Structure formats: structure tokens, C-alpha cells
Protein backbone atom coordinates (compact mmCIF):
# COMPACT_ATOMS: atom_id res chain seq x y z
CA CYS A 1 -0.04 0.03 0.02
CA GLU A 2 2.94 2.49 0.80
CA ALA A 3 4.00 2.17 -2.96
CA LYS A 4 0.60 2.86 -4.07
CA ILE A 5 -0.33 6.03 -1.91
CA HIS A 6 2.93 7.43 -0.47
CA ARG A 7 5.82 7.03 -3.04
CA PHE A 8 8.90 8.94 -2.53
CA GLN A 9 7.15 11.36 -0.04
CA ILE A 10 9.79 11.25 2.77
CA THR A 11 12.83 11.44 0.49
CA THR A 12 13.26 11.36 -3.06
CA ASN A 13 15.79 8.39 -2.77
CA VAL A 14 13.60 5.94 -1.27
CA SER A 15 10.01 5.16 -2.41
CA GLU A 16 8.58 3.12 0.41
CA PHE A 17 10.16 4.87 3.41
CA ALA A 18 8.45 2.83 6.19
CA ASN A 19 8.72 -0.60 4.36
CA SER A 20 12.41 0.07 3.72
CA ILE A 21 13.55 1.18 7.17
CA SER A 22 11.62 -1.86 8.77
CA ASN A 23 14.33 -4.12 7.16
CA ILE A 24 16.65 -3.01 9.79
CA SER A 25 14.94 -5.54 11.90
CA PHE A 26 16.20 -8.52 9.62
CA VAL A 27 19.72 -7.11 9.95
CA TYR A 28 19.53 -6.91 13.53
CA VAL A 29 18.06 -10.19 14.22
CA ALA A 30 20.53 -11.92 11.78
CA LEU A 31 23.42 -10.40 13.93
CA ILE A 32 22.00 -11.60 17.38
CA SER A 33 20.43 -14.93 16.52
CA PRO A 34 22.22 -17.76 17.93
CA TYR A 35 24.20 -20.51 15.91
CA THR A 36 26.26 -23.49 16.86
CA ASN A 37 27.43 -24.86 13.65
CA PRO A 38 27.78 -23.68 10.00
CA LYS A 39 24.45 -24.77 8.82
CA HIS A 40 22.81 -22.42 11.57
CA LEU A 41 25.18 -19.64 10.45
CA CYS A 42 23.97 -19.92 6.96
CA CYS A 43 20.37 -19.34 8.10
CA ASN A 44 21.45 -16.14 9.76
CA ILE A 45 23.47 -15.11 6.75
CA ALA A 46 20.62 -15.75 4.57
CA LEU A 47 18.33 -13.53 6.83
CA LEU A 48 20.90 -10.75 6.66
CA PHE A 49 20.51 -10.81 2.77
CA VAL A 50 16.80 -10.81 3.01
CA GLY A 51 17.00 -7.59 4.94
CA ILE A 52 19.45 -6.15 2.40
CA GLY A 53 17.43 -7.17 -0.61
CA SER A 54 14.09 -6.15 0.83
CA PHE A 55 15.49 -2.70 1.77
CA TYR A 56 16.48 -2.36 -1.78
CA PHE A 57 13.27 -3.57 -3.26
CA HIS A 58 11.12 -1.32 -1.19
CA ALA A 59 13.47 1.72 -1.82
CA THR A 60 13.55 1.28 -5.59
CA GLU A 61 10.51 -0.84 -6.49
CA SER A 62 12.56 -2.32 -9.29
CA TYR A 63 12.27 -5.99 -10.71
CA TYR A 64 15.93 -6.75 -9.70
CA GLY A 65 15.17 -5.48 -6.41
CA GLU A 66 12.29 -7.76 -6.17
CA LEU A 67 14.50 -10.78 -6.89
CA MET A 68 17.15 -9.60 -4.52
CA ASP A 69 14.20 -9.71 -1.85
CA GLU A 70 12.65 -13.20 -2.89
CA ILE A 71 15.67 -15.25 -3.88
CA PRO A 72 17.23 -14.96 -0.22
CA MET A 73 13.90 -15.46 1.33
CA SER A 74 13.70 -19.04 -0.58
CA ILE A 75 17.45 -19.55 0.34
CA LEU A 76 16.61 -18.94 3.92
CA ALA A 77 13.67 -21.38 3.86
CA TYR A 78 16.19 -24.04 2.34
CA ASN A 79 18.55 -23.65 4.91
CA TYR A 80 15.71 -24.00 7.51
CA PHE A 81 15.19 -27.40 5.75
CA LYS A 82 18.97 -28.42 5.96
CA CYS A 83 19.16 -27.38 9.65
CA ILE A 84 16.03 -29.05 10.87
CA ASN A 85 15.88 -32.14 8.64
CA ASN A 86 19.64 -32.88 8.93
CA CYS A 87 18.88 -34.48 5.71
CA LYS A 88 20.90 -36.89 3.38
CA ASN A 89 22.61 -35.65 0.35
CA SER A 90 19.88 -37.33 -1.88
CA ASP A 91 17.34 -35.28 -0.13
CA ASN A 92 19.23 -31.93 -0.63
CA THR A 93 19.55 -32.87 -4.37
CA ILE A 94 15.93 -33.45 -4.81
CA TYR A 95 15.09 -30.37 -2.92
CA LYS A 96 17.50 -28.26 -5.11
CA TYR A 97 16.01 -29.53 -8.32
CA ILE A 98 12.51 -28.67 -7.18
CA LEU A 99 13.70 -25.21 -6.25
CA GLY A 100 15.75 -24.78 -9.76
CA VAL A 101 12.38 -25.79 -11.54
CA PHE A 102 10.25 -23.32 -9.67
CA TRP A 103 12.54 -20.43 -10.11
CA PHE A 104 13.10 -21.15 -13.75
CA PHE A 105 9.19 -20.94 -14.26
CA TYR A 106 8.88 -17.98 -11.94
CA ILE A 107 11.56 -15.83 -13.60
CA THR A 108 10.36 -17.03 -17.13
CA THR A 109 6.60 -16.05 -16.53
CA LYS A 110 6.99 -13.47 -13.67
CA ILE A 111 3.92 -14.68 -11.92
CA TYR A 112 4.04 -13.48 -8.44
CA ASP A 113 1.75 -16.24 -7.11
CA LEU A 114 4.32 -18.80 -8.11
CA PHE A 115 6.84 -17.34 -5.60
CA LEU A 116 4.10 -17.18 -2.77
CA VAL A 117 3.25 -20.71 -3.50
CA LEU A 118 6.98 -21.87 -3.58
CA PHE A 119 7.89 -19.97 -0.23
CA SER A 120 4.73 -21.03 1.50
CA MET A 121 5.58 -24.65 0.73
CA GLN A 122 9.13 -24.30 2.04
CA ILE A 123 8.20 -23.08 5.19
CA ALA A 124 5.24 -25.46 5.65
CA VAL A 125 7.73 -28.43 4.94
CA ALA A 126 10.31 -27.10 7.33
CA LEU A 127 7.61 -26.50 10.26
CA TYR A 128 6.15 -29.95 9.55
CA ILE A 129 9.40 -31.80 9.98
CA PHE A 130 10.27 -29.95 13.16
CA VAL A 131 6.86 -29.93 14.65
CA PHE A 132 6.09 -33.79 13.76
CA LYS A 133 9.22 -35.42 12.98
CA ILE A 134 11.83 -34.15 15.38
CA ASP A 135 12.05 -35.04 19.18
CA LYS A 136 12.38 -31.73 20.94
CA THR A 137 13.16 -30.53 24.39
CA ARG A 138 10.80 -28.32 26.37
CA ASN A 139 12.75 -25.17 25.51
CA GLN A 140 12.83 -26.09 22.00
CA LYS A 141 8.93 -26.63 21.92
CA LYS A 142 8.42 -23.22 23.76
CA ASN A 143 10.59 -21.23 21.11
CA LEU A 144 9.00 -23.14 18.34
CA ALA A 145 5.52 -22.35 19.51
CA LYS A 146 6.63 -18.56 19.81
CA ALA A 147 8.11 -18.50 16.32
CA ILE A 148 4.99 -20.02 14.74
CA PHE A 149 2.68 -17.60 16.66
CA THR A 150 4.71 -14.73 15.64
CA LEU A 151 4.95 -15.76 11.97
CA VAL A 152 1.27 -16.34 11.88
CA VAL A 153 0.39 -12.73 13.34
CA ALA A 154 2.93 -11.12 10.80
CA LYS A 155 1.51 -13.09 7.79
CA ALA A 156 -1.93 -11.90 8.88
CA CYS A 157 -0.80 -8.24 8.88
CA TRP A 158 0.50 -8.90 5.42
CA GLN A 159 -2.82 -10.62 4.07
CA TYR A 160 -4.69 -7.56 5.74
CA GLU A 161 -2.70 -5.22 3.74
CA ARG A 162 -3.06 -7.16 0.53
CA HIS A 163 -6.86 -7.15 1.22
CA LEU A 164 -6.76 -3.38 1.76
CA TYR A 165 -4.84 -2.87 -1.62
CA ASN A 166 -7.04 -5.14 -3.60
CA THR A 167 -10.16 -3.56 -2.45
CA GLU A 168 -8.86 0.02 -3.08
CA GLN A 169 -8.85 0.87 0.85
CA CYS A 170 -5.13 1.64 1.39
CA GLU A 171 -4.72 3.68 4.59
CA THR A 172 -3.43 7.09 3.85
CA ASP A 173 -2.91 8.37 7.35
CA ILE A 174 0.71 7.89 8.43
CA THR A 175 -0.36 7.94 12.13
CA SER A 176 -2.84 4.94 11.72
CA TYR A 177 -1.66 1.58 12.63
CA ARG A 178 -3.01 0.23 9.22
CA TYR A 179 -0.32 2.29 7.36
CA TYR A 180 2.46 0.05 8.64
CA LEU A 181 1.00 -3.26 8.15
CA HIS A 182 3.69 -4.47 5.76
CA SER A 183 6.38 -3.12 8.21
CA TYR A 184 4.66 -5.24 10.84
CA TRP A 185 5.37 -8.24 8.53
CA HIS A 186 8.96 -7.57 8.32
CA ILE A 187 9.40 -7.10 12.11
CA GLY A 188 7.30 -10.12 12.83
CA SER A 189 9.00 -12.57 10.52
CA ALA A 190 12.21 -11.39 11.77
CA VAL A 191 11.39 -11.90 15.44
CA SER A 192 9.97 -15.33 14.18
CA HIS A 193 13.56 -16.18 12.92
CA TYR A 194 14.97 -15.45 16.04
CA TYR A 195 12.80 -17.86 17.70
CA ILE A 196 13.40 -20.62 15.09
CA MET A 197 16.99 -20.34 15.66
CA ASN A 198 16.77 -20.65 19.38
CA ALA A 199 14.37 -23.58 18.82
CA ILE A 200 17.06 -25.25 16.50
CA THR A 201 19.94 -24.54 18.67
CA ASN A 202 18.64 -24.95 22.27
CA ASN A 203 18.83 -28.63 23.27
CA GLU A 204 18.76 -28.14 27.07
């Protein structure tokens, strides 16, 4: 919505000011999230690039910026899978082939819904494995519950914004909470990552 009703209003160099600045949350969480091995570190590095790519995308509204936002999101979800599943090389190979096919069709067709389906499936697979297939300590269960709750709330904010956009009801008052719905998605998903990494690494 910010791109629709408030482009380049705060500064001529940044199109969506609030949506851009809120990506600082990704960078901050990437720097403070725990890790105990290189796989965990890859998750945090991927989140760092999500923040950088998303900032560039919302600042420029460019197609390459969009890819810089979405590709790290997909890589992050893939790294969740690797950390949680502790998978065999054959599982990794199959996963990467599926990713390659999806990204080929997405870049070729530029149908945004393809990315939404892919990313949603990636997150769903990782959460399914962690929730139902992995033995967890009490602390891991608590952090996983916090991660899922925060992600659901953040996604609800994003979906509500999409509803306002599609029904021509975007909020124009910058003092209204509804103006910052997409920023809440950024902040909430960043916080969710922090709890996910605590759930993955906390075995006590």
C-alpha cells in the first residue's frame, strides 16, 4: 500500500520509506540470532541478505530489487530445511532440483503467485518436519511455539494489507496502525526467525 499511496514522499531516494526502514529488523536479528554450527550460521546470513534485498526492493521498486528480496527468502527457507531435517545428500539434491524448476518458471513467467506458493511450501515443509518429525526438548517446544505464533501474526498483517490494496482501501494516514501493516510483516517475520534459531540450537 505504501508504494501505491505514498511513493517518494519522505525522501526522493527511497520510494517506500517505512517498508524500507523496517528491514533493519532483519539485519539486527541476523546479527543476534544464535548458531552452533555452519548450517545455523547460513540461516542467519540468509536472513541478513533478506533484509538487504528487501530494503533495496522497497526503496527502488525495481524488478531486480524484487529478485534480491525473494531469492534470499527462498534460500533462507532451504537452509531451515537443512538445519531441521539433518537430511541426506539425496534429499538435498531433490530439494535443489525442485527449487531450480520453480525459479525457472517464476523468472520466465514473472507470475508472483508462483513465488508465494513456493515460499509458503518451503516454510510449511520445514515446520512440518520440526513439529511432527523431530524429538524436541521443552525449551525447543516453547521457542517453536513462539516462532509459529509470531509468524502467523506477521503473515496476517501482510494478508490484511493485501486485502486493503485489492479493495482500494489503502490507509493514507501515516499516524494509523494500518499504514504500517507491511512493516509489521517485516518485523514479525524477523522475530520469528530469532525464535526458530533458538528452537533449533537450544537442546537443554
